[in-house]
Amino acid sequence: MIAFRLLVSVGVLLMPLTVAAQERIPKVGLLRTNAPPDPFVEAFRDGMRALGHIEGRTVVYEARWAKGRPDALPALAAELAALKVDVILTGGETAIRAAKQAAPMTPIVMGASNDPVAAGLAQSLAKPGGTVTGLTIFSHELSQKRLEVFREALPDLSRVALLVNPSFPTAQVEVEATEQAARALGLVLTPVPISREEDFAAAIGPLRDRGVNGLITLADPFFTAHRNRIATLARTARLPAMFHWPEFVEAGGLMSYGPDNADLYRRAATYVDRILRGATPGELPIERPSKLLLAVNLTTAQALGITFSSSFLSRADEVIE
């Protein structure tokens, strides 16, 4: 009888632990190159809420911010790995690689990536294999279309500087695609390597004096993290600039043409949701953007003495005045 009572007592004590184990809330790691507030993370959270996830009840978010310093990503990824998160949401090949190295068995969802196949992160878009899946933004056609739109807005465009972060894994592939697009349009493209925040002023300031009359950047989270700085320097140098994301235009950049990054991160929630429900990331096809946005900043255009044609403005998805 005493032994029976002991067993019952032990069982009662263990019950809360068993229930707690059964009710473990999944952890989603957020590995970001920039600093908060982050509109893309908010779009992802919106997507998760739309799928029925409630923070603190059905999911817990663990965010780590590199604050514009890509070199900090490996240590931050290691922190997420130590927390044993169930899936990591990130974007850009540098951050994706850091997450993959720190947590090789943890599923990784790309909110936006450049060329995951060329970067060796996926076997193919249709069947990635491994632990990485999500969304990609890169295509040779988009590089040419972006320059075409830039040329349409500025018919006198002839010599364009391209900001390049040499340490970005797919930088060379994208430079080659952009150079090919520039040749097709008769434009002279001048790559400008830059990988440190403190070098932006020295890189952008003298471009106008060197005969450059346009500026573009590669789609790199490093540049996105410093979009306010880049937009301000371009405007101060009286240099028209074309970017990938509307967020640059909202920061004072002249124009942007490319995928809706907020939409991509909102769609990334579907991947995270499916993985939390048991899906294998390597079997989830990597998706391309479903829509492209043209955004222009009329205040910046006026400051630069630029007047857009009415037909060009009629095509804009977002006009900031």
Protein backbone atom coordinates (compact mmCIF):
# COMPACT_ATOMS: atom_id res chain seq x y z
CA MET A 1 0.00 0.00 0.00
CA ILE A 2 2.85 2.39 0.84
CA ALA A 3 4.54 1.61 -2.49
CA PHE A 4 1.27 2.25 -4.30
CA ARG A 5 0.88 5.66 -2.62
CA LEU A 6 4.45 6.56 -3.56
CA LEU A 7 3.77 5.70 -7.18
CA VAL A 8 0.61 7.78 -7.17
CA SER A 9 2.45 10.72 -5.60
CA VAL A 10 5.27 10.53 -8.15
CA GLY A 11 2.71 10.35 -10.95
CA VAL A 12 0.94 13.44 -9.69
CA LEU A 13 4.23 15.32 -9.48
CA LEU A 14 5.22 14.34 -13.02
CA MET A 15 1.90 15.24 -14.60
CA PRO A 16 2.57 19.01 -14.85
CA LEU A 17 5.93 18.30 -16.46
CA THR A 18 4.32 15.99 -19.00
CA VAL A 19 1.63 18.54 -19.82
CA ALA A 20 4.25 21.28 -20.12
CA ALA A 21 6.25 19.14 -22.54
CA GLN A 22 3.14 18.51 -24.62
CA GLU A 23 2.31 22.22 -24.70
CA ARG A 24 5.78 23.43 -25.69
CA ILE A 25 5.44 26.57 -27.82
CA PRO A 26 7.46 26.52 -31.06
CA LYS A 27 10.28 29.05 -31.33
CA VAL A 28 10.95 30.98 -34.53
CA GLY A 29 14.35 32.66 -34.79
CA LEU A 30 14.55 35.97 -36.65
CA LEU A 31 18.07 36.66 -37.92
CA ARG A 32 18.28 40.18 -39.36
CA THR A 33 21.12 42.18 -40.90
CA ASN A 34 19.47 45.50 -40.08
CA ALA A 35 18.06 47.05 -36.90
CA PRO A 36 14.48 47.45 -35.67
CA PRO A 37 11.98 48.68 -36.63
CA ASP A 38 11.92 46.27 -39.56
CA PRO A 39 8.92 46.50 -41.93
CA PHE A 40 9.71 43.07 -43.39
CA VAL A 41 9.59 41.36 -39.99
CA GLU A 42 6.31 43.12 -39.29
CA ALA A 43 4.94 41.85 -42.61
CA PHE A 44 6.02 38.33 -41.62
CA ARG A 45 4.29 38.66 -38.25
CA ASP A 46 1.16 39.86 -40.04
CA GLY A 47 1.32 36.77 -42.22
CA MET A 48 1.66 34.52 -39.20
CA ARG A 49 -1.32 36.18 -37.51
CA ALA A 50 -3.38 35.68 -40.65
CA LEU A 51 -2.57 31.97 -40.41
CA GLY A 52 -3.88 31.85 -36.85
CA HIS A 53 -0.63 32.13 -34.92
CA ILE A 54 -0.74 34.12 -31.69
CA GLU A 55 2.56 35.30 -30.25
CA GLY A 56 3.14 33.80 -26.82
CA ARG A 57 0.44 31.16 -27.31
CA THR A 58 1.17 29.31 -30.56
CA VAL A 59 4.59 30.75 -31.40
CA VAL A 60 7.49 32.59 -29.75
CA TYR A 61 9.82 34.90 -31.71
CA GLU A 62 13.50 35.21 -30.88
CA ALA A 63 14.97 38.17 -32.81
CA ARG A 64 18.65 38.92 -33.29
CA TRP A 65 19.75 42.15 -35.02
CA ALA A 66 23.15 42.74 -36.68
CA LYS A 67 22.37 46.48 -36.94
CA GLY A 68 24.03 46.88 -40.32
CA ARG A 69 27.10 44.79 -39.46
CA PRO A 70 27.14 41.56 -41.50
CA ASP A 71 30.20 40.38 -39.55
CA ALA A 72 27.99 40.07 -36.46
CA LEU A 73 25.66 37.53 -38.08
CA PRO A 74 27.58 34.30 -37.23
CA ALA A 75 27.57 35.05 -33.49
CA LEU A 76 23.89 36.01 -33.57
CA ALA A 77 23.04 32.83 -35.50
CA ALA A 78 24.91 30.83 -32.86
CA GLU A 79 22.72 32.42 -30.18
CA LEU A 80 19.59 31.25 -32.01
CA ALA A 81 21.07 27.76 -32.39
CA ALA A 82 21.74 27.64 -28.64
CA LEU A 83 18.08 28.50 -28.01
CA LYS A 84 17.11 25.45 -30.12
CA VAL A 85 14.67 27.40 -32.28
CA ASP A 86 12.44 25.27 -34.51
CA VAL A 87 12.94 27.35 -37.65
CA ILE A 88 14.95 30.44 -38.62
CA LEU A 89 13.56 33.22 -40.80
CA THR A 90 16.19 35.39 -42.45
CA GLY A 91 17.09 37.01 -45.77
CA GLY A 92 20.16 37.54 -47.93
CA GLU A 93 22.81 34.92 -48.59
CA THR A 94 25.23 36.17 -45.91
CA ALA A 95 22.66 35.73 -43.15
CA ILE A 96 21.36 32.47 -44.62
CA ARG A 97 24.86 31.00 -44.65
CA ALA A 98 25.48 32.13 -41.09
CA ALA A 99 22.26 30.45 -39.97
CA LYS A 100 23.05 27.27 -41.90
CA GLN A 101 26.53 27.02 -40.40
CA ALA A 102 25.37 27.68 -36.84
CA ALA A 103 22.33 25.39 -37.02
CA PRO A 104 22.92 22.85 -39.82
CA MET A 105 19.87 20.74 -38.93
CA THR A 106 17.43 23.61 -38.34
CA PRO A 107 14.98 24.54 -41.15
CA ILE A 108 15.71 27.97 -42.65
CA VAL A 109 13.13 30.08 -44.47
CA MET A 110 14.36 32.84 -46.77
CA GLY A 111 12.09 35.87 -46.69
CA ALA A 112 14.07 37.10 -49.70
CA SER A 113 17.21 35.71 -51.30
CA ASN A 114 19.16 36.63 -54.39
CA ASP A 115 20.23 33.41 -56.10
CA PRO A 116 20.11 30.47 -53.67
CA VAL A 117 21.10 27.96 -56.35
CA ALA A 118 24.21 29.91 -57.45
CA ALA A 119 25.06 30.45 -53.77
CA GLY A 120 24.97 26.69 -53.15
CA LEU A 121 22.06 26.93 -50.71
CA ALA A 122 19.62 24.92 -52.80
CA GLN A 123 19.87 22.21 -55.45
CA SER A 124 17.12 23.81 -57.51
CA LEU A 125 14.15 26.12 -57.07
CA ALA A 126 11.68 23.29 -57.68
CA LYS A 127 13.24 20.95 -55.12
CA PRO A 128 15.74 22.73 -52.86
CA GLY A 129 16.84 19.67 -50.86
CA GLY A 130 18.55 20.26 -47.53
CA THR A 131 17.25 22.65 -44.91
CA VAL A 132 16.77 25.92 -46.84
CA THR A 133 13.64 27.11 -48.69
CA GLY A 134 11.56 30.26 -49.11
CA LEU A 135 11.53 33.03 -51.71
CA THR A 136 14.01 34.40 -54.24
CA ILE A 137 14.14 37.78 -55.98
CA PHE A 138 16.92 37.31 -58.52
CA SER A 139 16.56 37.07 -62.28
CA HIS A 140 18.60 38.34 -65.21
CA GLU A 141 15.39 39.74 -66.72
CA LEU A 142 14.75 41.89 -63.66
CA SER A 143 18.25 43.42 -63.81
CA GLN A 144 17.58 44.54 -67.37
CA LYS A 145 14.04 45.72 -66.67
CA ARG A 146 15.23 47.85 -63.72
CA LEU A 147 17.76 49.62 -65.95
CA GLU A 148 15.14 50.03 -68.68
CA VAL A 149 12.80 51.76 -66.23
CA PHE A 150 15.67 53.95 -65.00
CA ARG A 151 16.50 54.94 -68.60
CA GLU A 152 12.84 55.62 -69.39
CA ALA A 153 12.59 57.98 -66.41
CA LEU A 154 15.90 59.68 -67.29
CA PRO A 155 16.44 59.65 -71.08
CA ASP A 156 19.89 61.29 -70.70
CA LEU A 157 21.15 58.46 -68.49
CA SER A 158 24.50 57.27 -69.86
CA ARG A 159 26.96 56.34 -67.10
CA VAL A 160 25.71 54.45 -64.05
CA ALA A 161 27.56 53.58 -60.85
CA LEU A 162 26.71 50.25 -59.23
CA LEU A 163 27.26 49.92 -55.48
CA VAL A 164 28.62 46.43 -54.80
CA ASN A 165 29.40 44.72 -51.50
CA PRO A 166 32.24 42.33 -52.51
CA SER A 167 31.67 40.13 -49.48
CA PHE A 168 28.07 39.34 -50.48
CA PRO A 169 28.01 35.71 -51.71
CA THR A 170 26.21 36.30 -55.03
CA ALA A 171 27.62 39.76 -55.76
CA GLN A 172 29.69 38.67 -58.78
CA VAL A 173 26.76 36.84 -60.38
CA GLU A 174 24.56 39.91 -60.02
CA VAL A 175 27.26 42.29 -61.26
CA GLU A 176 27.62 40.20 -64.40
CA ALA A 177 23.85 40.18 -64.96
CA THR A 178 23.68 43.96 -64.49
CA GLU A 179 26.66 44.53 -66.80
CA GLN A 180 24.98 42.45 -69.47
CA ALA A 181 21.78 44.49 -69.09
CA ALA A 182 23.75 47.77 -69.27
CA ARG A 183 25.50 46.73 -72.49
CA ALA A 184 22.15 45.86 -74.07
CA LEU A 185 20.94 49.39 -73.30
CA GLY A 186 24.15 51.15 -74.33
CA LEU A 187 24.93 52.26 -70.77
CA VAL A 188 28.37 52.40 -69.18
CA LEU A 189 28.33 50.62 -65.82
CA THR A 190 30.94 51.41 -63.16
CA PRO A 191 31.02 49.00 -60.19
CA VAL A 192 31.87 50.73 -56.90
CA PRO A 193 32.96 48.25 -54.19
CA ILE A 194 31.93 49.10 -50.64
CA SER A 195 31.54 46.90 -47.58
CA ARG A 196 31.77 49.29 -44.60
CA GLU A 197 29.31 51.94 -43.48
CA GLU A 198 32.06 54.50 -42.93
CA ASP A 199 33.05 54.31 -46.62
CA PHE A 200 29.71 55.38 -48.11
CA ALA A 201 30.49 59.10 -48.21
CA ALA A 202 33.86 58.64 -49.91
CA ALA A 203 32.33 56.24 -52.43
CA ILE A 204 29.21 58.22 -53.42
CA GLY A 205 30.29 61.85 -52.97
CA PRO A 206 32.74 62.14 -55.92
CA LEU A 207 30.70 60.13 -58.47
CA ARG A 208 29.07 63.16 -60.12
CA ASP A 209 32.48 64.74 -60.71
CA ARG A 210 33.59 61.53 -62.41
CA GLY A 211 30.90 61.84 -65.06
CA VAL A 212 28.42 59.43 -63.46
CA ASN A 213 24.80 60.55 -63.85
CA GLY A 214 22.99 57.63 -62.20
CA LEU A 215 23.36 55.28 -59.23
CA ILE A 216 21.98 51.80 -58.52
CA THR A 217 22.68 49.21 -55.82
CA LEU A 218 22.57 45.46 -55.71
CA ALA A 219 19.84 43.85 -53.60
CA ASP A 220 21.94 43.33 -50.50
CA PRO A 221 20.67 43.49 -46.89
CA PHE A 222 23.80 45.51 -46.05
CA PHE A 223 22.60 48.32 -48.32
CA THR A 224 19.02 47.97 -47.12
CA ALA A 225 20.20 48.38 -43.52
CA HIS A 226 21.87 51.68 -44.51
CA ARG A 227 19.21 52.91 -46.93
CA ASN A 228 18.75 56.25 -45.14
CA ARG A 229 22.45 56.99 -45.39
CA ILE A 230 22.68 56.01 -49.07
CA ALA A 231 19.57 57.97 -50.06
CA THR A 232 20.82 61.09 -48.25
CA LEU A 233 24.30 60.90 -49.79
CA ALA A 234 22.90 60.40 -53.30
CA ARG A 235 20.56 63.37 -52.91
CA THR A 236 23.36 65.55 -51.51
CA ALA A 237 25.59 64.58 -54.45
CA ARG A 238 22.68 65.45 -56.79
CA LEU A 239 22.85 61.93 -58.17
CA PRO A 240 19.62 60.25 -59.37
CA ALA A 241 19.37 56.78 -57.83
CA MET A 242 17.39 53.64 -58.65
CA PHE A 243 16.89 51.06 -55.90
CA HIS A 244 15.27 47.64 -55.50
CA TRP A 245 12.82 48.35 -52.66
CA PRO A 246 10.18 51.04 -51.97
CA GLU A 247 11.73 51.36 -48.50
CA PHE A 248 14.64 53.23 -50.12
CA VAL A 249 12.20 55.66 -51.73
CA GLU A 250 10.45 56.18 -48.40
CA ALA A 251 13.90 57.00 -46.99
CA GLY A 252 14.38 59.72 -49.62
CA GLY A 253 15.69 57.74 -52.60
CA LEU A 254 14.53 58.87 -56.04
CA MET A 255 12.91 55.67 -57.30
CA SER A 256 12.77 51.90 -57.00
CA TYR A 257 11.66 49.03 -59.16
CA GLY A 258 11.51 45.46 -57.95
CA PRO A 259 9.67 42.88 -55.89
CA ASP A 260 7.43 43.87 -53.02
CA ASN A 261 9.67 42.72 -50.17
CA ALA A 262 6.92 43.13 -47.59
CA ASP A 263 4.75 40.79 -49.67
CA LEU A 264 7.59 38.25 -49.86
CA TYR A 265 8.03 38.21 -46.09
CA ARG A 266 4.28 37.95 -45.63
CA ARG A 267 4.33 34.91 -47.91
CA ALA A 268 7.31 33.52 -45.98
CA ALA A 269 4.92 33.00 -43.07
CA THR A 270 3.28 30.22 -45.08
CA TYR A 271 6.60 28.37 -45.24
CA VAL A 272 7.22 28.75 -41.53
CA ASP A 273 3.69 27.61 -40.74
CA ARG A 274 4.02 24.50 -42.91
CA ILE A 275 7.39 23.60 -41.40
CA LEU A 276 6.02 24.00 -37.87
CA ARG A 277 3.26 21.60 -38.89
CA GLY A 278 5.79 19.00 -40.04
CA ALA A 279 6.68 19.81 -43.65
CA THR A 280 10.24 19.12 -44.85
CA PRO A 281 11.93 22.35 -46.07
CA GLY A 282 13.88 20.59 -48.81
CA GLU A 283 10.62 19.53 -50.45
CA LEU A 284 9.01 22.99 -50.45
CA PRO A 285 9.68 24.74 -53.80
CA ILE A 286 11.38 28.14 -53.70
CA GLU A 287 9.05 30.79 -55.10
CA ARG A 288 9.71 33.84 -57.26
CA PRO A 289 8.04 37.25 -56.71
CA SER A 290 4.41 37.47 -57.73
CA LYS A 291 4.44 41.23 -58.31
CA LEU A 292 6.84 44.10 -59.00
CA LEU A 293 6.46 47.66 -57.75
CA LEU A 294 7.54 51.01 -59.17
CA ALA A 295 7.89 53.76 -56.56
CA VAL A 296 9.02 57.37 -57.01
CA ASN A 297 9.76 60.23 -54.65
CA LEU A 298 8.61 63.55 -56.11
CA THR A 299 10.18 65.57 -53.31
CA THR A 300 13.59 64.13 -54.16
CA ALA A 301 12.92 64.58 -57.88
CA GLN A 302 12.20 68.27 -57.32
CA ALA A 303 15.37 68.66 -55.24
CA LEU A 304 17.36 67.14 -58.11
CA GLY A 305 15.60 69.22 -60.77
CA ILE A 306 13.98 66.18 -62.37
CA THR A 307 10.50 66.20 -63.92
CA PHE A 308 8.93 62.83 -64.65
CA SER A 309 6.62 62.47 -67.62
CA SER A 310 2.92 62.02 -66.89
CA SER A 311 2.97 58.63 -68.64
CA PHE A 312 5.81 57.46 -66.39
CA LEU A 313 4.08 58.63 -63.23
CA SER A 314 0.85 56.93 -64.27
CA ARG A 315 2.66 53.59 -64.08
CA ALA A 316 3.95 54.16 -60.55
CA ASP A 317 2.48 51.98 -57.80
CA GLU A 318 3.59 54.42 -55.10
CA VAL A 319 4.23 58.14 -55.40
CA ILE A 320 5.68 60.02 -52.44
CA GLU A 321 5.12 63.78 -52.47
